Protein backbone atom coordinates (compact mmCIF):
# COMPACT_ATOMS: atom_id res chain seq x y z
CA UNK A 1 -115.85 -37.17 58.84
CA UNK A 2 -115.35 -39.85 56.18
CA UNK A 3 -112.53 -39.43 53.92
CA UNK A 4 -113.16 -38.80 50.40
CA UNK A 5 -111.13 -40.36 47.42
CA UNK A 6 -110.51 -38.74 44.08
CA UNK A 7 -111.07 -41.90 41.88
CA UNK A 8 -113.09 -42.10 38.84
CA UNK A 9 -114.98 -45.20 37.07
CA UNK A 10 -112.92 -47.06 34.45
CA UNK A 11 -114.04 -46.95 30.87
CA UNK A 12 -111.23 -48.70 29.09
CA UNK A 13 -109.33 -52.33 28.98
CA UNK A 14 -106.78 -53.34 31.29
CA UNK A 15 -108.75 -51.86 33.95
CA UNK A 16 -106.43 -53.02 37.18
CA UNK A 17 -103.59 -51.06 35.49
CA UNK A 18 -105.94 -47.92 35.60
CA UNK A 19 -107.27 -48.84 39.33
CA UNK A 20 -103.57 -49.07 40.09
CA UNK A 21 -102.61 -46.03 38.22
CA UNK A 22 -105.14 -43.60 40.12
CA UNK A 23 -104.07 -44.89 43.28
CA UNK A 24 -100.72 -44.45 42.68
CA UNK A 25 -101.03 -40.71 41.67
CA UNK A 26 -102.78 -40.09 44.92
CA UNK A 27 -100.07 -41.32 46.75
CA UNK A 28 -97.44 -39.39 44.70
CA UNK A 29 -99.57 -36.14 45.02
CA UNK A 30 -100.04 -36.66 48.95
CA UNK A 31 -103.71 -37.33 48.86
CA UNK A 32 -102.75 -40.62 49.87
CA UNK A 33 -100.00 -40.52 53.39
CA UNK A 34 -98.04 -43.31 54.35
CA UNK A 35 -100.14 -45.23 57.05
CA UNK A 36 -103.35 -44.19 55.24
CA UNK A 37 -105.66 -47.12 54.97
CA UNK A 38 -107.44 -47.77 51.41
CA UNK A 39 -111.04 -48.73 51.54
CA UNK A 40 -111.59 -52.70 51.49
CA UNK A 41 -111.87 -54.11 48.06
CA UNK A 42 -115.48 -54.37 47.92
CA UNK A 43 -115.47 -50.78 48.71
CA UNK A 44 -113.03 -50.11 45.97
CA UNK A 45 -114.97 -52.22 43.55
CA UNK A 46 -117.66 -50.31 43.90
CA UNK A 47 -115.51 -46.88 43.89
CA UNK A 48 -114.15 -47.84 40.41
CA UNK A 49 -117.23 -50.13 39.03
CA UNK A 50 -115.17 -52.86 38.52
CA UNK A 51 -114.68 -56.47 39.92
CA UNK A 52 -113.17 -57.45 42.96
CA UNK A 53 -110.45 -59.43 41.05
CA UNK A 54 -109.39 -56.44 39.08
CA UNK A 55 -108.97 -54.55 42.44
CA UNK A 56 -107.08 -57.28 43.72
CA UNK A 57 -104.66 -57.47 40.64
CA UNK A 58 -104.45 -53.33 41.12
CA UNK A 59 -103.43 -53.93 44.73
CA UNK A 60 -101.10 -56.82 43.91
CA UNK A 61 -99.52 -54.40 41.45
CA UNK A 62 -99.15 -51.64 44.01
CA UNK A 63 -97.66 -54.08 46.68
CA UNK A 64 -94.79 -55.09 44.18
CA UNK A 65 -93.95 -51.38 43.50
CA UNK A 66 -93.66 -50.99 47.44
CA UNK A 67 -96.23 -48.61 47.58
CA UNK A 68 -98.77 -49.93 49.88
CA UNK A 69 -99.09 -53.27 52.10
CA UNK A 70 -101.82 -55.45 51.06
CA UNK A 71 -103.88 -56.67 54.02
CA UNK A 72 -107.04 -58.84 53.55
CA UNK A 73 -110.34 -58.62 55.36
CA UNK A 74 -112.16 -55.23 56.32
CA UNK A 75 -109.35 -53.30 57.42
CA UNK A 76 -108.35 -52.26 53.86
CA UNK A 77 -104.78 -52.09 52.28
CA UNK A 78 -101.86 -49.73 54.07
CA UNK A 79 -99.77 -47.04 52.14
CA UNK A 80 -96.40 -47.50 53.41
CA UNK A 81 -93.26 -45.18 53.53
CA UNK A 82 -91.59 -44.40 50.47
CA UNK A 83 -88.17 -46.75 50.55
CA UNK A 84 -85.51 -45.23 48.11
CA UNK A 85 -83.52 -48.22 48.75
CA UNK A 86 -85.63 -50.99 47.08
CA UNK A 87 -85.76 -48.86 43.62
CA UNK A 88 -81.56 -48.31 43.94
CA UNK A 89 -82.01 -52.35 44.22
CA UNK A 90 -83.72 -52.67 41.10
CA UNK A 91 -81.58 -50.41 39.55
CA UNK A 92 -78.41 -52.05 40.76
CA UNK A 93 -80.04 -55.62 39.19
CA UNK A 94 -80.78 -54.20 35.89
CA UNK A 95 -77.43 -52.37 35.54
CA UNK A 96 -75.40 -55.51 36.66
CA UNK A 97 -77.54 -57.35 34.06
CA UNK A 98 -76.51 -54.99 31.23
CA UNK A 99 -72.73 -54.98 32.21
CA UNK A 100 -72.91 -58.56 31.33
CA UNK A 101 -74.33 -58.09 27.95
CA UNK A 102 -73.25 -54.70 26.66
CA UNK A 103 -69.76 -53.31 26.99
CA UNK A 104 -70.86 -49.74 26.11
CA UNK A 105 -72.65 -49.71 29.28
CA UNK A 106 -69.02 -49.98 31.19
CA UNK A 107 -68.17 -46.78 29.69
CA UNK A 108 -71.91 -45.06 30.25
CA UNK A 109 -71.28 -45.99 33.99
CA UNK A 110 -67.95 -44.62 33.67
CA UNK A 111 -69.49 -41.07 32.80
CA UNK A 112 -71.91 -41.22 35.30
CA UNK A 113 -69.77 -42.09 38.16
CA UNK A 114 -67.74 -39.38 37.33
CA UNK A 115 -70.03 -36.60 37.91
CA UNK A 116 -71.67 -38.41 41.02
CA UNK A 117 -68.24 -38.81 42.35
CA UNK A 118 -67.38 -35.08 41.53
CA UNK A 119 -70.34 -34.03 43.78
CA UNK A 120 -69.41 -36.54 46.35
CA UNK A 121 -66.15 -34.81 46.48
CA UNK A 122 -67.33 -31.37 47.12
CA UNK A 123 -69.29 -32.51 49.98
CA UNK A 124 -66.74 -34.44 51.44
CA UNK A 125 -64.75 -31.10 51.50
CA UNK A 126 -67.50 -29.19 53.18
CA UNK A 127 -68.45 -31.92 55.76
CA UNK A 128 -65.62 -34.22 56.62
CA UNK A 129 -64.13 -34.21 59.77
CA UNK A 130 -60.73 -35.10 60.75
CA UNK A 131 -61.42 -38.10 61.83
CA UNK A 132 -63.17 -38.69 58.46
CA UNK A 133 -59.95 -37.82 56.61
CA UNK A 134 -57.67 -40.12 58.81
CA UNK A 135 -59.73 -42.75 57.65
CA UNK A 136 -59.54 -42.06 54.05
CA UNK A 137 -56.03 -41.30 54.39
CA UNK A 138 -55.50 -44.72 56.04
CA UNK A 139 -57.12 -46.90 53.12
CA UNK A 140 -54.65 -44.76 50.77
CA UNK A 141 -51.62 -46.29 52.62
CA UNK A 142 -53.37 -49.96 52.14
CA UNK A 143 -53.41 -49.15 48.39
CA UNK A 144 -50.14 -48.03 48.50
CA UNK A 145 -49.24 -51.26 49.95
CA UNK A 146 -50.62 -53.21 47.08
CA UNK A 147 -47.48 -52.49 44.86
CA UNK A 148 -48.10 -53.27 41.55
CA UNK A 149 -51.06 -56.28 42.42
CA UNK A 150 -54.44 -54.58 40.74
CA UNK A 151 -56.33 -57.48 42.04
CA UNK A 152 -55.47 -56.62 45.88
CA UNK A 153 -55.50 -52.98 45.30
CA UNK A 154 -58.79 -52.59 43.52
CA UNK A 155 -61.17 -53.70 46.29
CA UNK A 156 -59.23 -51.40 48.50
CA UNK A 157 -59.78 -48.60 46.09
CA UNK A 158 -63.47 -49.12 46.01
CA UNK A 159 -64.05 -49.23 49.48
CA UNK A 160 -61.97 -45.94 49.56
CA UNK A 161 -64.71 -44.28 47.25
CA UNK A 162 -67.56 -45.74 49.18
CA UNK A 163 -65.95 -44.19 52.49
CA UNK A 164 -65.73 -40.68 50.47
CA UNK A 165 -69.68 -41.14 50.06
CA UNK A 166 -69.96 -42.05 53.70
CA UNK A 167 -68.07 -38.76 54.73
CA UNK A 168 -69.93 -36.51 52.35
CA UNK A 169 -72.79 -36.66 55.31
CA UNK A 170 -75.35 -37.07 52.06
CA UNK A 171 -77.71 -39.58 52.47
CA UNK A 172 -78.71 -39.94 48.94
CA UNK A 173 -74.98 -39.54 47.84
CA UNK A 174 -74.50 -42.78 49.63
CA UNK A 175 -77.30 -44.74 48.47
CA UNK A 176 -76.25 -43.57 44.98
CA UNK A 177 -73.17 -44.81 45.64
CA UNK A 178 -74.00 -48.11 47.03
CA UNK A 179 -75.67 -48.70 43.42
CA UNK A 180 -72.05 -48.83 41.94
CA UNK A 181 -70.20 -51.03 44.46
CA UNK A 182 -71.50 -54.34 43.12
CA UNK A 183 -71.47 -53.28 39.82
CA UNK A 184 -67.67 -52.19 40.07
CA UNK A 185 -66.73 -55.06 41.59
CA UNK A 186 -68.48 -57.59 38.66
CA UNK A 187 -68.02 -55.45 35.85
CA UNK A 188 -64.12 -54.30 36.53
CA UNK A 189 -62.63 -57.25 38.40
CA UNK A 190 -62.78 -59.93 35.61
CA UNK A 191 -61.22 -57.64 33.41
CA UNK A 192 -58.78 -55.54 35.77
CA UNK A 193 -55.41 -56.47 33.49
CA UNK A 194 -57.41 -55.66 30.13
CA UNK A 195 -58.32 -51.99 31.63
CA UNK A 196 -55.60 -51.46 33.73
CA UNK A 197 -52.35 -52.94 32.02
CA UNK A 198 -50.15 -50.56 33.83
CA UNK A 199 -51.25 -51.82 37.41
CA UNK A 200 -52.72 -49.62 39.72
CA UNK A 201 -49.83 -46.93 39.64
CA UNK A 202 -51.77 -44.26 37.62
CA UNK A 203 -54.97 -45.01 39.67
CA UNK A 204 -52.98 -44.74 43.00
CA UNK A 205 -51.64 -41.22 41.96
CA UNK A 206 -55.02 -39.65 41.15
CA UNK A 207 -56.52 -41.02 44.48
CA UNK A 208 -53.83 -39.21 46.15
CA UNK A 209 -54.29 -36.16 44.33
CA UNK A 210 -58.03 -36.30 44.99
CA UNK A 211 -57.71 -36.58 48.59
CA UNK A 212 -55.13 -33.59 48.61
CA UNK A 213 -57.57 -31.47 46.56
CA UNK A 214 -60.29 -32.34 49.20
CA UNK A 215 -58.33 -31.54 52.17
CA UNK A 216 -57.49 -28.22 50.51
CA UNK A 217 -61.24 -27.35 50.11
CA UNK A 218 -60.32 -25.46 46.82
CA UNK A 219 -63.16 -26.32 44.43
CA UNK A 220 -60.96 -25.58 41.61
CA UNK A 221 -58.43 -28.35 42.81
CA UNK A 222 -61.26 -30.78 43.39
CA UNK A 223 -62.69 -30.37 39.65
CA UNK A 224 -59.45 -30.89 38.64
CA UNK A 225 -58.33 -34.02 40.55
CA UNK A 226 -61.63 -35.57 39.57
CA UNK A 227 -61.04 -34.81 35.93
CA UNK A 228 -57.72 -36.87 36.55
CA UNK A 229 -59.37 -39.59 38.24
CA UNK A 230 -61.84 -40.27 35.81
CA UNK A 231 -59.53 -40.27 33.04
CA UNK A 232 -57.52 -42.91 34.67
CA UNK A 233 -60.68 -45.21 35.22
CA UNK A 234 -61.85 -44.64 31.74
CA UNK A 235 -62.07 -47.85 29.72
CA UNK A 236 -59.72 -47.99 26.92
CA UNK A 237 -58.97 -50.48 24.21
CA UNK A 238 -55.74 -52.00 24.64
CA UNK A 239 -54.28 -50.18 21.65
CA UNK A 240 -54.90 -46.76 23.19
CA UNK A 241 -52.98 -48.15 26.31
CA UNK A 242 -50.36 -49.06 24.38
CA UNK A 243 -49.99 -45.14 23.30
CA UNK A 244 -50.58 -43.96 27.22
CA UNK A 245 -47.92 -46.04 28.70
CA UNK A 246 -45.14 -44.06 30.40
CA UNK A 247 -46.62 -40.69 30.16
CA UNK A 248 -46.65 -39.13 33.29
CA UNK A 249 -49.47 -36.94 34.78
CA UNK A 250 -48.88 -33.37 35.21
CA UNK A 251 -47.44 -32.65 38.81
CA UNK A 252 -45.96 -35.83 39.46
CA UNK A 253 -42.90 -35.30 41.52
CA UNK A 254 -42.10 -39.52 41.93
CA UNK A 255 -43.01 -40.80 38.54
CA UNK A 256 -46.08 -42.87 39.78
CA UNK A 257 -49.63 -42.38 38.57
CA UNK A 258 -52.62 -43.48 40.66
CA UNK A 259 -56.73 -44.30 41.37
């Protein structure tokens, strides 16, 4: 039985965008599924009542969006599997650009990351194995070995949080965390001395508290630990750092503060 398509003839300008939109909505609604083939250009041209150049431009647009694989000839283009990673790559690229031109984005990024990592921490508490926790403890020891060297410490700390995302056992959490990996390295590393003038002591302490809370599996302890961690990674102007310098964190027994 011949497959029907919910497409309508077009009436306005920028016809290729309207063609692309109708096909896109058919994919999003599930009418067209991964592996389905669109009609050939000639048939699409008749369905939409537009010229073949308009159809080609619409198909090219859908291909750029990653929704179809354009194939010439009589077979017709094929609907692709949705690959979230390509969209995350685009978002990462956009955020990387914003960090270069807008310092406020660094603060916005901090706020978003705080809540994503809170969800990751709770998922790790539920799902991590003893082997996972052992690896996290090992990364913590590597951070401790960096002493006061913030430039040696920071990439290991980023790896620690990346590993937390892995241990969440949630594929989407991990992919979203991957958004932050390059951004953190590019956005923070050139300014580590400015953002963290006291070095890694406060950051290390906060990461230690976070891992202890995760191991306890206590939701409120995890919430408090993430608040502490986020506060230590907040971007503060230099004068605020001066006021904060020397303040011990609650519950500190050895005078350290940490990521």
